[in-house]
Amino acid sequence: MIEISRDAANWFKKELSLEEGQTVRLFARYSAGGKIHPGFSLGIQVEEPVFPGLSSTVEGITFFMEEHDQWYLDGHKLKVVYNAAEDDIDYEYEN
C-alpha cells in the first residue's frame, strides 16, 4: 500500500512542475543506505504506468509502483510525508 500525504503531494507538484492528471512512478534503485533493503532506495520518475501494482491519487496526481518493483516494500506500507524543516519528503515504512 502507498499513502501520500497532501503536503507531500503538493511538494511533488512544486518540485517536479506537475499538473493535475500526471503520474509519478516510485521504483527501487541501487543506492547506498536504503531503509528496508541495504543498497536500494526509492527513486521517482514522472512517467505513465505500464503494469501498475500499487497506486494512490492525491491532489490530482497519481503515484504508483509497477508490479515488478513491489518486492521493495516486502510487506510494508509506504507512507510519503512532507518534512517542513528540510523542505523535502520522507519515506516511512510500516509493517
N, C-alpha and C. Protein backbone atom coordinates (compact mmCIF):
# COMPACT_ATOMS: atom_id res chain seq x y z
N MET A 1 0.83 -1.18 0.00
CA MET A 1 0.00 0.00 0.00
C MET A 1 0.89 1.25 0.00
N ILE A 2 0.45 2.25 -0.74
CA ILE A 2 1.15 3.53 -0.81
C ILE A 2 0.22 4.61 -0.28
N GLU A 3 0.71 5.38 0.67
CA GLU A 3 -0.06 6.51 1.21
C GLU A 3 0.79 7.77 1.06
N ILE A 4 0.24 8.77 0.40
CA ILE A 4 0.95 10.03 0.18
C ILE A 4 0.18 11.13 0.91
N SER A 5 0.86 11.88 1.77
CA SER A 5 0.17 12.98 2.45
C SER A 5 -0.11 14.10 1.45
N ARG A 6 -1.08 14.91 1.76
CA ARG A 6 -1.41 16.04 0.87
C ARG A 6 -0.24 17.00 0.74
N ASP A 7 0.44 17.25 1.85
CA ASP A 7 1.61 18.15 1.80
C ASP A 7 2.72 17.56 0.93
N ALA A 8 2.91 16.24 1.02
CA ALA A 8 3.93 15.59 0.18
C ALA A 8 3.53 15.68 -1.29
N ALA A 9 2.26 15.46 -1.60
CA ALA A 9 1.80 15.55 -2.98
C ALA A 9 2.02 16.96 -3.52
N ASN A 10 1.76 17.96 -2.70
CA ASN A 10 1.98 19.34 -3.14
C ASN A 10 3.47 19.64 -3.32
N TRP A 11 4.33 19.02 -2.51
CA TRP A 11 5.78 19.16 -2.71
C TRP A 11 6.17 18.59 -4.07
N PHE A 12 5.67 17.40 -4.41
CA PHE A 12 5.95 16.81 -5.72
C PHE A 12 5.48 17.73 -6.84
N LYS A 13 4.28 18.29 -6.69
CA LYS A 13 3.75 19.19 -7.73
C LYS A 13 4.67 20.38 -7.94
N LYS A 14 5.15 20.95 -6.84
CA LYS A 14 6.03 22.12 -6.93
C LYS A 14 7.40 21.74 -7.50
N GLU A 15 8.02 20.71 -6.93
CA GLU A 15 9.39 20.33 -7.31
C GLU A 15 9.49 19.78 -8.73
N LEU A 16 8.47 19.06 -9.16
CA LEU A 16 8.51 18.42 -10.48
C LEU A 16 7.64 19.14 -11.51
N SER A 17 7.11 20.30 -11.14
CA SER A 17 6.24 21.10 -12.03
C SER A 17 5.12 20.24 -12.60
N LEU A 18 4.45 19.52 -11.71
CA LEU A 18 3.37 18.62 -12.13
C LEU A 18 2.05 19.35 -12.25
N GLU A 19 1.24 18.85 -13.15
CA GLU A 19 -0.13 19.34 -13.31
C GLU A 19 -1.08 18.21 -13.00
N GLU A 20 -2.29 18.56 -12.62
CA GLU A 20 -3.30 17.56 -12.31
C GLU A 20 -3.43 16.56 -13.45
N GLY A 21 -3.50 15.28 -13.08
CA GLY A 21 -3.64 14.22 -14.06
C GLY A 21 -2.33 13.52 -14.39
N GLN A 22 -1.20 14.09 -13.98
CA GLN A 22 0.09 13.45 -14.26
C GLN A 22 0.34 12.31 -13.26
N THR A 23 1.32 11.47 -13.60
CA THR A 23 1.63 10.30 -12.78
C THR A 23 3.10 10.28 -12.40
N VAL A 24 3.37 9.77 -11.20
CA VAL A 24 4.73 9.68 -10.68
C VAL A 24 4.99 8.23 -10.29
N ARG A 25 6.03 7.67 -10.86
CA ARG A 25 6.42 6.29 -10.55
C ARG A 25 7.42 6.28 -9.40
N LEU A 26 7.18 5.42 -8.42
CA LEU A 26 8.12 5.14 -7.34
C LEU A 26 8.76 3.80 -7.67
N PHE A 27 10.09 3.73 -7.68
CA PHE A 27 10.74 2.50 -8.09
C PHE A 27 11.99 2.22 -7.26
N ALA A 28 12.35 0.95 -7.21
CA ALA A 28 13.56 0.53 -6.50
C ALA A 28 14.77 0.84 -7.37
N ARG A 29 15.79 1.42 -6.75
CA ARG A 29 17.02 1.73 -7.49
C ARG A 29 18.21 1.44 -6.59
N TYR A 30 19.35 1.18 -7.24
CA TYR A 30 20.58 0.97 -6.48
C TYR A 30 20.96 2.28 -5.81
N SER A 31 21.26 2.21 -4.52
CA SER A 31 21.63 3.40 -3.78
C SER A 31 22.14 2.98 -2.40
N ALA A 32 23.00 3.75 -1.85
CA ALA A 32 23.51 3.46 -0.50
C ALA A 32 22.46 3.81 0.55
N GLY A 33 22.42 3.03 1.59
CA GLY A 33 21.64 3.39 2.77
C GLY A 33 20.15 3.20 2.71
N GLY A 34 19.63 2.25 1.96
CA GLY A 34 18.19 2.01 1.95
C GLY A 34 17.68 1.57 3.31
N LYS A 35 16.45 1.93 3.65
CA LYS A 35 15.90 1.61 4.96
C LYS A 35 15.45 0.16 5.07
N ILE A 36 14.88 -0.39 4.01
CA ILE A 36 14.38 -1.77 4.06
C ILE A 36 15.41 -2.74 3.50
N HIS A 37 15.99 -2.40 2.37
CA HIS A 37 16.97 -3.25 1.68
C HIS A 37 18.27 -2.46 1.51
N PRO A 38 19.31 -2.81 2.26
CA PRO A 38 20.59 -2.12 2.07
C PRO A 38 21.03 -2.19 0.61
N GLY A 39 21.49 -1.06 0.10
CA GLY A 39 21.93 -0.99 -1.29
C GLY A 39 20.84 -0.56 -2.25
N PHE A 40 19.61 -0.37 -1.75
CA PHE A 40 18.50 0.08 -2.59
C PHE A 40 17.74 1.20 -1.88
N SER A 41 17.17 2.08 -2.65
CA SER A 41 16.28 3.10 -2.11
C SER A 41 15.21 3.37 -3.16
N LEU A 42 14.29 4.26 -2.84
CA LEU A 42 13.25 4.59 -3.79
C LEU A 42 13.67 5.74 -4.69
N GLY A 43 13.39 5.59 -5.95
CA GLY A 43 13.58 6.65 -6.92
C GLY A 43 12.22 7.14 -7.36
N ILE A 44 12.19 8.32 -7.99
CA ILE A 44 10.94 8.86 -8.52
C ILE A 44 11.15 9.27 -9.97
N GLN A 45 10.11 9.10 -10.76
CA GLN A 45 10.17 9.45 -12.18
C GLN A 45 8.77 9.82 -12.63
N VAL A 46 8.65 10.90 -13.36
CA VAL A 46 7.36 11.28 -13.95
C VAL A 46 7.20 10.46 -15.23
N GLU A 47 6.29 9.51 -15.20
CA GLU A 47 6.04 8.66 -16.37
C GLU A 47 4.70 7.97 -16.22
N GLU A 48 4.21 7.44 -17.31
CA GLU A 48 2.93 6.73 -17.33
C GLU A 48 3.14 5.29 -16.87
N PRO A 49 2.16 4.73 -16.15
CA PRO A 49 2.27 3.33 -15.73
C PRO A 49 2.13 2.36 -16.90
N VAL A 50 2.81 1.22 -16.78
CA VAL A 50 2.68 0.14 -17.75
C VAL A 50 1.93 -1.02 -17.10
N PHE A 51 2.46 -1.54 -15.99
CA PHE A 51 1.83 -2.59 -15.20
C PHE A 51 1.79 -2.16 -13.74
N PRO A 52 0.93 -1.17 -13.41
CA PRO A 52 0.91 -0.67 -12.04
C PRO A 52 0.41 -1.73 -11.07
N GLY A 53 1.15 -1.87 -9.97
CA GLY A 53 0.75 -2.81 -8.94
C GLY A 53 0.08 -2.11 -7.78
N LEU A 54 0.59 -0.96 -7.41
CA LEU A 54 0.05 -0.16 -6.32
C LEU A 54 -0.09 1.27 -6.81
N SER A 55 -1.14 1.95 -6.35
CA SER A 55 -1.28 3.35 -6.73
C SER A 55 -2.12 4.10 -5.70
N SER A 56 -1.95 5.40 -5.71
CA SER A 56 -2.70 6.30 -4.84
C SER A 56 -2.78 7.66 -5.53
N THR A 57 -3.96 8.24 -5.57
CA THR A 57 -4.13 9.54 -6.19
C THR A 57 -4.41 10.58 -5.11
N VAL A 58 -3.57 11.61 -5.09
CA VAL A 58 -3.68 12.68 -4.09
C VAL A 58 -3.44 14.00 -4.79
N GLU A 59 -4.29 14.98 -4.51
CA GLU A 59 -4.15 16.31 -5.09
C GLU A 59 -4.07 16.26 -6.62
N GLY A 60 -4.78 15.30 -7.22
CA GLY A 60 -4.84 15.20 -8.68
C GLY A 60 -3.66 14.50 -9.33
N ILE A 61 -2.71 14.03 -8.53
CA ILE A 61 -1.52 13.33 -9.04
C ILE A 61 -1.61 11.85 -8.62
N THR A 62 -1.36 10.94 -9.56
CA THR A 62 -1.37 9.52 -9.24
C THR A 62 0.07 9.06 -9.04
N PHE A 63 0.31 8.49 -7.88
CA PHE A 63 1.60 7.92 -7.52
C PHE A 63 1.46 6.42 -7.63
N PHE A 64 2.43 5.76 -8.27
CA PHE A 64 2.29 4.33 -8.47
C PHE A 64 3.62 3.61 -8.39
N MET A 65 3.52 2.30 -8.19
CA MET A 65 4.68 1.42 -8.23
C MET A 65 4.33 0.28 -9.18
N GLU A 66 5.20 0.03 -10.14
CA GLU A 66 4.98 -1.07 -11.08
C GLU A 66 5.03 -2.40 -10.34
N GLU A 67 4.33 -3.39 -10.88
CA GLU A 67 4.30 -4.72 -10.27
C GLU A 67 5.70 -5.25 -9.98
N HIS A 68 6.62 -5.09 -10.93
CA HIS A 68 7.96 -5.66 -10.77
C HIS A 68 8.81 -4.94 -9.72
N ASP A 69 8.34 -3.81 -9.21
CA ASP A 69 9.07 -3.10 -8.16
C ASP A 69 8.47 -3.31 -6.76
N GLN A 70 7.36 -4.00 -6.68
CA GLN A 70 6.68 -4.17 -5.39
C GLN A 70 7.51 -4.96 -4.38
N TRP A 71 8.46 -5.75 -4.85
CA TRP A 71 9.31 -6.52 -3.94
C TRP A 71 9.99 -5.60 -2.94
N TYR A 72 10.23 -4.37 -3.35
CA TYR A 72 10.96 -3.44 -2.50
C TYR A 72 10.24 -3.20 -1.17
N LEU A 73 8.93 -3.16 -1.19
CA LEU A 73 8.17 -2.90 0.03
C LEU A 73 8.13 -4.11 0.96
N ASP A 74 8.30 -5.30 0.42
CA ASP A 74 8.45 -6.50 1.24
C ASP A 74 7.42 -6.59 2.36
N GLY A 75 6.14 -6.37 2.02
CA GLY A 75 5.08 -6.45 3.02
C GLY A 75 4.88 -5.20 3.86
N HIS A 76 5.63 -4.15 3.60
CA HIS A 76 5.50 -2.89 4.34
C HIS A 76 4.51 -1.95 3.64
N LYS A 77 3.93 -1.08 4.41
CA LYS A 77 3.12 0.01 3.88
C LYS A 77 4.05 1.21 3.74
N LEU A 78 4.02 1.86 2.59
CA LEU A 78 4.83 3.04 2.35
C LEU A 78 4.01 4.29 2.60
N LYS A 79 4.53 5.16 3.46
CA LYS A 79 3.92 6.46 3.70
C LYS A 79 4.93 7.52 3.26
N VAL A 80 4.51 8.41 2.38
CA VAL A 80 5.35 9.51 1.93
C VAL A 80 4.81 10.77 2.60
N VAL A 81 5.65 11.41 3.38
CA VAL A 81 5.24 12.59 4.14
C VAL A 81 6.16 13.76 3.83
N TYR A 82 5.66 14.95 4.07
CA TYR A 82 6.45 16.17 3.86
C TYR A 82 7.19 16.52 5.13
N ASN A 83 8.46 16.85 5.00
CA ASN A 83 9.30 17.28 6.11
C ASN A 83 9.53 18.79 5.94
N ALA A 84 8.76 19.59 6.68
CA ALA A 84 8.82 21.04 6.54
C ALA A 84 10.19 21.61 6.90
N ALA A 85 10.83 21.05 7.90
CA ALA A 85 12.14 21.55 8.33
C ALA A 85 13.19 21.43 7.23
N GLU A 86 13.07 20.40 6.41
CA GLU A 86 14.03 20.15 5.32
C GLU A 86 13.48 20.59 3.96
N ASP A 87 12.20 20.96 3.91
CA ASP A 87 11.50 21.22 2.65
C ASP A 87 11.76 20.09 1.66
N ASP A 88 11.46 18.89 2.14
CA ASP A 88 11.71 17.67 1.37
C ASP A 88 10.68 16.63 1.79
N ILE A 89 10.73 15.48 1.16
CA ILE A 89 9.85 14.39 1.55
C ILE A 89 10.64 13.33 2.30
N ASP A 90 9.91 12.58 3.11
CA ASP A 90 10.48 11.44 3.83
C ASP A 90 9.64 10.22 3.51
N TYR A 91 10.31 9.09 3.45
CA TYR A 91 9.64 7.81 3.26
C TYR A 91 9.58 7.11 4.61
N GLU A 92 8.38 6.70 5.00
CA GLU A 92 8.20 5.95 6.25
C GLU A 92 7.62 4.60 5.86
N TYR A 93 8.09 3.56 6.56
CA TYR A 93 7.65 2.20 6.26
C TYR A 93 7.02 1.61 7.52
N GLU A 94 5.81 1.06 7.36
CA GLU A 94 5.12 0.42 8.46
C GLU A 94 4.91 -1.05 8.13
N ASN A 95 5.04 -1.91 9.14
CA ASN A 95 4.78 -3.34 8.94
C ASN A 95 3.29 -3.57 8.84
